[in-house]
Amino acid sequence: MEHHYQPRAWILTIGNELLIGRVINTNAAWIASKLTFHGVSVRRILTVGDTIDDIVEALSEAVRRADIVVTTGGLGPTADDLTLEAIAAALHRPLVLDKEALRMVEAFYARRGYRLTSEARKMALLPSGATPIPNPEGAAPGAWIVEGRTHIFALPGVPREMEAMMDWVIDRIKPILPRLCVREKSLLIEGVPEAVLASLLRKAARRCPRCYTKSHPKGHETERPVVEVRVLASAGDCEKADEEAGAVLEELKRLLGGNVG
């Protein structure tokens, strides 16, 4: 069997609004999906508030244990936007005014007829050695820092901004990505409670031990059970990945008989 090393990733979402439930953390799910489909193994998703000590603590552990760290949130002009300051502290680097980042911020405000304020200039302060990440949808540049073997990407918390910048991120980590094709297949099961389905799913999953097989209940557990089964497979080529995911679902169909939607 062919084996591929999968880079390990931690995702760190930052903001008090996430911790108090005011904002649903869609960023973490989106980034995790994007990284997974490029062959990255996402090991942790952490959420911390806008506190230097908490960000530094989480980031320091992430840098020790992950190849890729993606943060979202805390890049804006206000006093509680502390992510880049925390990254600098965690890496024992000074914050410096980055000329390219400053040009990006200036251009954003100039297009809208505003002059640059001291608060806006704050968004161009990056940890020493960082590369600014262009933000096509907003004012705050992101930052890419390489610390030893770990690639750290600081992205904004606004979803449309973060999503617009992820292709840039993927391009930078391509040299460490495995040559994998990742495919997902799904099957809808009706009339079988998830608790009953579990033993059959365990048997079917043996057809591909390295696939990620998971059931997701969609209906009521006993009155009108509907369960979606998803199988995520990765292989050196897409045909093999399709074949492995399909084999699990075909075995499940065989075990279920007629209870397939």
Protein backbone atom coordinates (compact mmCIF):
# COMPACT_ATOMS: atom_id res chain seq x y z
CA MET A 1 0.00 0.00 0.00
CA GLU A 2 1.29 3.46 -0.93
CA HIS A 3 1.72 5.83 2.03
CA HIS A 4 1.96 9.61 1.97
CA TYR A 5 3.03 11.92 4.76
CA GLN A 6 0.23 14.34 5.55
CA PRO A 7 1.26 17.72 6.99
CA ARG A 8 -0.40 18.42 10.33
CA ALA A 9 -2.45 21.58 10.75
CA TRP A 10 -3.90 23.51 13.65
CA ILE A 11 -6.61 26.12 13.12
CA LEU A 12 -6.83 28.94 15.65
CA THR A 13 -9.92 31.17 15.51
CA ILE A 14 -9.67 34.33 17.57
CA GLY A 15 -12.38 36.60 18.92
CA ASN A 16 -14.56 37.15 21.98
CA GLU A 17 -17.62 37.17 19.71
CA LEU A 18 -16.99 33.48 18.98
CA LEU A 19 -16.73 32.53 22.65
CA ILE A 20 -19.96 34.23 23.70
CA GLY A 21 -21.93 32.71 20.82
CA ARG A 22 -22.64 35.98 19.02
CA VAL A 23 -20.94 34.72 15.86
CA ILE A 24 -21.04 31.13 14.59
CA ASN A 25 -17.57 29.82 13.83
CA THR A 26 -18.00 29.03 10.13
CA ASN A 27 -14.37 29.96 9.39
CA ALA A 28 -12.95 26.91 11.17
CA ALA A 29 -15.14 24.48 9.22
CA TRP A 30 -14.37 26.17 5.90
CA ILE A 31 -10.60 26.17 6.45
CA ALA A 32 -10.62 22.59 7.74
CA SER A 33 -12.46 21.43 4.63
CA LYS A 34 -10.10 23.34 2.32
CA LEU A 35 -6.98 21.93 3.98
CA THR A 36 -8.37 18.39 4.15
CA PHE A 37 -9.10 18.34 0.44
CA HIS A 38 -5.48 19.26 -0.20
CA GLY A 39 -4.22 16.29 1.79
CA VAL A 40 -3.55 18.08 5.09
CA SER A 41 -4.36 16.35 8.38
CA VAL A 42 -6.20 18.87 10.59
CA ARG A 43 -5.34 17.91 14.19
CA ARG A 44 -6.80 20.75 16.27
CA ILE A 45 -9.35 23.54 15.98
CA LEU A 46 -9.07 26.00 18.86
CA THR A 47 -11.02 29.16 19.68
CA VAL A 48 -9.61 31.80 22.01
CA GLY A 49 -10.64 35.32 22.99
CA ASP A 50 -9.00 38.64 22.28
CA THR A 51 -6.38 38.24 25.00
CA ILE A 52 -2.66 38.29 24.32
CA ASP A 53 -1.82 35.58 26.88
CA ASP A 54 -4.46 33.16 25.55
CA ILE A 55 -3.42 33.65 21.93
CA VAL A 56 0.28 33.25 22.77
CA GLU A 57 -0.38 30.08 24.76
CA ALA A 58 -2.41 28.44 21.99
CA LEU A 59 -0.07 29.57 19.24
CA SER A 60 3.08 28.43 21.04
CA GLU A 61 1.71 24.90 21.35
CA ALA A 62 0.50 24.93 17.74
CA VAL A 63 3.95 25.91 16.45
CA ARG A 64 5.55 23.06 18.43
CA ARG A 65 3.14 20.43 17.10
CA ALA A 66 1.97 21.46 13.63
CA ASP A 67 3.44 21.99 10.20
CA ILE A 68 0.73 24.51 9.27
CA VAL A 69 -1.03 26.96 11.58
CA VAL A 70 -3.89 29.10 10.28
CA THR A 71 -5.32 31.87 12.45
CA THR A 72 -8.39 33.98 11.71
CA GLY A 73 -9.48 37.19 13.35
CA GLY A 74 -7.77 40.01 15.20
CA LEU A 75 -6.06 41.79 12.28
CA GLY A 76 -8.11 44.99 12.26
CA PRO A 77 -7.35 48.55 13.43
CA THR A 78 -8.98 48.47 16.88
CA ALA A 79 -7.31 48.02 20.27
CA ASP A 80 -8.63 44.47 20.70
CA ASP A 81 -7.15 43.29 17.38
CA LEU A 82 -4.12 41.60 18.90
CA THR A 83 -3.30 38.59 16.73
CA LEU A 84 -0.14 39.89 15.07
CA GLU A 85 1.15 41.28 18.37
CA ALA A 86 0.55 37.87 19.95
CA ILE A 87 2.29 36.03 17.11
CA ALA A 88 5.30 38.34 17.46
CA ALA A 89 5.39 37.67 21.21
CA ALA A 90 5.05 33.91 20.79
CA LEU A 91 7.90 33.83 18.28
CA HIS A 92 10.05 36.36 20.17
CA ARG A 93 10.10 38.69 17.18
CA PRO A 94 9.55 42.46 17.15
CA LEU A 95 6.58 44.04 15.39
CA VAL A 96 7.82 46.17 12.49
CA LEU A 97 6.12 48.45 9.99
CA ASP A 98 6.11 46.44 6.78
CA LYS A 99 6.42 48.66 3.68
CA GLU A 100 4.50 46.32 1.40
CA ALA A 101 1.71 45.85 3.94
CA LEU A 102 1.53 49.63 4.39
CA ARG A 103 1.22 50.07 0.62
CA MET A 104 -1.68 47.58 0.61
CA VAL A 105 -3.48 49.42 3.41
CA GLU A 106 -2.88 52.83 1.81
CA ALA A 107 -4.22 51.62 -1.52
CA PHE A 108 -7.39 50.26 0.10
CA TYR A 109 -8.25 53.57 1.75
CA ALA A 110 -7.10 55.73 -1.19
CA ARG A 111 -9.53 53.92 -3.52
CA ARG A 112 -12.31 54.93 -1.15
CA GLY A 113 -11.18 58.52 -0.72
CA TYR A 114 -9.93 58.23 2.87
CA ARG A 115 -6.59 59.32 4.29
CA LEU A 116 -4.52 56.94 6.35
CA THR A 117 -5.05 57.18 10.12
CA SER A 118 -2.73 55.91 12.85
CA GLU A 119 -5.25 53.13 13.51
CA ALA A 120 -5.09 52.07 9.87
CA ARG A 121 -1.27 52.07 9.96
CA LYS A 122 -1.51 49.55 12.81
CA MET A 123 -2.66 46.95 10.26
CA ALA A 124 0.76 47.19 8.54
CA LEU A 125 2.66 46.22 11.71
CA LEU A 126 3.80 42.63 11.14
CA PRO A 127 6.13 40.29 13.03
CA SER A 128 9.69 40.70 11.77
CA GLY A 129 10.35 38.44 8.79
CA ALA A 130 6.67 38.10 7.85
CA THR A 131 5.39 38.27 4.30
CA PRO A 132 2.15 40.26 3.88
CA ILE A 133 -0.77 38.39 2.29
CA PRO A 134 -2.85 40.47 -0.16
CA ASN A 135 -6.47 40.97 0.90
CA PRO A 136 -8.60 41.58 -2.22
CA GLU A 137 -11.79 42.05 -0.17
CA GLY A 138 -10.72 44.21 2.77
CA ALA A 139 -8.23 46.57 4.37
CA ALA A 140 -6.16 44.29 6.61
CA PRO A 141 -3.35 42.30 4.96
CA GLY A 142 -2.70 38.83 6.27
CA ALA A 143 0.74 37.60 7.29
CA TRP A 144 2.81 34.52 6.48
CA ILE A 145 5.60 33.60 8.87
CA VAL A 146 7.90 30.59 8.67
CA GLU A 147 9.15 29.49 12.09
CA GLY A 148 11.42 26.46 11.74
CA ARG A 149 9.35 23.84 9.91
CA THR A 150 6.04 25.55 10.70
CA HIS A 151 4.14 27.80 8.30
CA ILE A 152 1.93 30.31 10.13
CA PHE A 153 -0.80 32.13 8.21
CA ALA A 154 -2.71 34.96 9.92
CA LEU A 155 -5.95 35.74 8.09
CA PRO A 156 -8.84 38.15 8.77
CA GLY A 157 -11.96 36.98 10.55
CA VAL A 158 -14.42 38.29 7.94
CA PRO A 159 -15.34 35.12 6.00
CA ARG A 160 -15.33 36.62 2.50
CA GLU A 161 -11.88 38.12 3.12
CA MET A 162 -10.45 34.92 4.60
CA GLU A 163 -11.87 32.78 1.79
CA ALA A 164 -10.47 35.10 -0.89
CA MET A 165 -6.98 34.70 0.61
CA MET A 166 -6.89 30.92 1.03
CA ASP A 167 -5.79 30.20 -2.55
CA TRP A 168 -2.70 32.32 -1.82
CA VAL A 169 -2.13 30.20 1.28
CA ILE A 170 -2.51 26.91 -0.61
CA ASP A 171 0.01 28.09 -3.23
CA ARG A 172 2.59 28.72 -0.49
CA ILE A 173 2.21 25.31 1.15
CA LYS A 174 2.22 23.33 -2.10
CA PRO A 175 5.87 22.25 -1.61
CA ILE A 176 4.89 20.37 1.60
CA LEU A 177 1.54 19.02 0.41
CA PRO A 178 1.31 15.30 -0.37
CA ARG A 179 0.62 14.29 -3.94
CA LEU A 180 -2.84 13.11 -3.07
CA CYS A 181 -6.26 13.22 -4.61
CA VAL A 182 -8.96 13.50 -1.93
CA ARG A 183 -12.51 12.45 -2.81
CA GLU A 184 -15.72 12.23 -0.81
CA LYS A 185 -18.75 10.07 -1.53
CA SER A 186 -22.04 9.95 0.36
CA LEU A 187 -25.08 7.72 0.74
CA LEU A 188 -28.49 8.44 2.28
CA ILE A 189 -29.92 5.68 4.47
CA GLU A 190 -33.61 5.74 5.38
CA GLY A 191 -35.44 3.69 7.98
CA VAL A 192 -32.39 2.54 9.95
CA PRO A 193 -31.56 4.22 13.30
CA GLU A 194 -27.97 5.42 13.57
CA ALA A 195 -27.41 3.17 16.59
CA VAL A 196 -28.38 0.12 14.49
CA LEU A 197 -26.43 1.35 11.46
CA ALA A 198 -23.23 1.73 13.51
CA SER A 199 -22.31 -1.97 13.54
CA LEU A 200 -22.92 -2.32 9.78
CA LEU A 201 -20.91 0.80 9.10
CA ARG A 202 -18.02 -0.55 11.14
CA LYS A 203 -18.00 -3.70 8.99
CA ALA A 204 -18.22 -1.75 5.73
CA ALA A 205 -15.41 0.59 6.80
CA ARG A 206 -13.02 -2.40 6.85
CA ARG A 207 -12.99 -2.21 3.06
CA CYS A 208 -10.86 0.91 3.42
CA PRO A 209 -9.19 1.23 6.84
CA ARG A 210 -7.47 4.52 5.94
CA CYS A 211 -10.67 6.18 4.72
CA TYR A 212 -12.59 8.49 7.04
CA THR A 213 -16.11 7.10 7.34
CA LYS A 214 -18.75 8.99 9.32
CA SER A 215 -22.53 8.90 9.76
CA HIS A 216 -24.60 12.09 10.09
CA PRO A 217 -28.19 11.80 11.37
CA LYS A 218 -30.66 13.91 9.38
CA GLY A 219 -34.00 12.79 10.84
CA HIS A 220 -35.48 11.49 14.11
CA GLU A 221 -33.50 8.56 15.57
CA THR A 222 -36.46 6.15 15.90
CA GLU A 223 -39.63 7.62 14.41
CA ARG A 224 -38.29 8.55 10.96
CA PRO A 225 -34.59 7.85 10.87
CA VAL A 226 -32.57 9.29 8.01
CA VAL A 227 -28.78 8.99 8.14
CA GLU A 228 -26.24 10.31 5.66
CA VAL A 229 -23.01 8.33 5.45
CA ARG A 230 -19.93 10.12 4.12
CA VAL A 231 -16.66 8.48 3.15
CA LEU A 232 -13.51 10.55 2.61
CA ALA A 233 -10.74 8.78 0.72
CA SER A 234 -7.28 9.92 -0.34
CA ALA A 235 -4.93 8.20 -2.75
CA GLY A 236 -2.13 8.89 -5.20
CA ASP A 237 -4.64 9.35 -8.01
CA CYS A 238 -8.33 10.29 -8.20
CA GLU A 239 -9.43 7.01 -9.73
CA LYS A 240 -8.02 5.10 -6.76
CA ALA A 241 -9.61 7.52 -4.26
CA ASP A 242 -13.01 7.14 -5.96
CA GLU A 243 -12.62 3.37 -5.95
CA GLU A 244 -11.77 3.21 -2.24
CA ALA A 245 -14.64 5.46 -1.13
CA GLY A 246 -17.04 3.64 -3.43
CA ALA A 247 -16.00 0.23 -2.08
CA VAL A 248 -17.08 1.21 1.45
CA LEU A 249 -20.47 2.44 0.30
CA GLU A 250 -21.06 -0.61 -1.94
CA GLU A 251 -20.33 -2.91 0.99
CA LEU A 252 -22.70 -0.90 3.16
CA LYS A 253 -25.43 -1.19 0.52
CA ARG A 254 -24.92 -4.94 0.43
CA LEU A 255 -25.23 -5.20 4.21
CA LEU A 256 -28.31 -2.99 4.30
CA GLY A 257 -30.30 -4.66 1.58
CA GLY A 258 -33.20 -2.36 0.60
CA ASN A 259 -32.86 0.41 3.20
CA VAL A 260 -31.03 2.86 0.92
CA GLY A 261 -32.50 6.20 -0.21
